Amino acid sequence: MPNDQVDHTPPEEGSTQLHSVKYSLPELLEELKIERTSSVFAKEILDQLEISKIFTERKKARERNRTA
């Protein structure tokens, strides 16, 4: 089937159709650069740090309770 024609027949029930999608690497890198400098991304990193601190503190508290 040539690339300019699309198969409009419905897929058989239970079958899966896969489609490949190509993205432009320069566009993806530019989007990543923007996301890294945005405040939302920075907040996500901050949240991850805060979450890791909570688990570290709990782990230390458990270790103190075991040795006491």
Protein backbone atom coordinates (compact mmCIF):
# COMPACT_ATOMS: atom_id res chain seq x y z
CA MET A 1 0.00 0.00 0.00
CA PRO A 2 1.56 3.39 -0.94
CA ASN A 3 2.26 5.87 1.85
CA ASP A 4 -0.36 8.37 0.61
CA GLN A 5 -3.21 5.89 0.99
CA VAL A 6 -4.74 5.01 4.33
CA ASP A 7 -6.37 1.69 5.09
CA HIS A 8 -9.82 2.52 6.47
CA THR A 9 -10.93 -1.06 7.05
CA PRO A 10 -11.71 -1.73 10.71
CA PRO A 11 -9.24 -4.01 12.52
CA GLU A 12 -10.33 -7.50 13.43
CA GLU A 13 -11.63 -7.80 16.94
CA GLY A 14 -8.86 -8.57 19.39
CA SER A 15 -6.08 -7.48 17.06
CA THR A 16 -3.71 -4.66 17.83
CA GLN A 17 -2.48 -2.19 15.28
CA LEU A 18 0.85 -0.51 15.89
CA HIS A 19 1.80 2.80 14.36
CA SER A 20 5.25 4.31 14.40
CA VAL A 21 5.63 7.97 15.20
CA LYS A 22 8.74 9.96 14.41
CA TYR A 23 9.68 13.05 16.39
CA SER A 24 12.23 15.68 15.55
CA LEU A 25 15.23 15.38 17.88
CA PRO A 26 16.01 19.11 17.82
CA GLU A 27 12.38 19.90 18.73
CA LEU A 28 12.43 17.38 21.57
CA LEU A 29 15.70 18.78 22.91
CA GLU A 30 14.36 22.33 22.77
CA GLU A 31 11.20 21.26 24.62
CA LEU A 32 13.33 19.51 27.24
CA LYS A 33 15.45 22.63 27.67
CA ILE A 34 12.32 24.73 28.24
CA GLU A 35 10.87 22.21 30.71
CA ARG A 36 14.09 22.11 32.72
CA THR A 37 14.09 25.87 33.13
CA SER A 38 10.39 26.18 33.89
CA SER A 39 9.16 26.61 37.44
CA VAL A 40 6.95 23.52 37.23
CA PHE A 41 9.91 21.26 36.54
CA ALA A 42 11.92 22.95 39.30
CA LYS A 43 9.02 22.37 41.71
CA GLU A 44 8.92 18.67 40.79
CA ILE A 45 12.61 18.36 41.62
CA LEU A 46 12.05 20.17 44.91
CA ASP A 47 9.15 17.85 45.75
CA GLN A 48 11.33 14.82 45.03
CA LEU A 49 14.02 16.17 47.35
CA GLU A 50 11.49 16.79 50.11
CA ILE A 51 10.06 13.29 49.73
CA SER A 52 13.52 11.72 49.90
CA LYS A 53 14.25 13.75 53.07
CA ILE A 54 11.11 12.39 54.72
CA PHE A 55 12.11 8.80 53.99
CA THR A 56 15.69 9.41 55.13
CA GLU A 57 14.46 10.87 58.42
CA ARG A 58 12.11 7.94 59.00
CA LYS A 59 14.87 5.45 58.23
CA LYS A 60 17.21 7.14 60.72
CA ALA A 61 14.47 7.17 63.36
CA ARG A 62 13.85 3.43 62.88
CA GLU A 63 17.57 2.70 63.16
CA ARG A 64 17.74 4.72 66.39
CA ASN A 65 14.77 2.80 67.81
CA ARG A 66 16.39 -0.54 66.97
CA THR A 67 19.65 0.28 68.73
CA ALA A 68 17.98 1.86 71.76
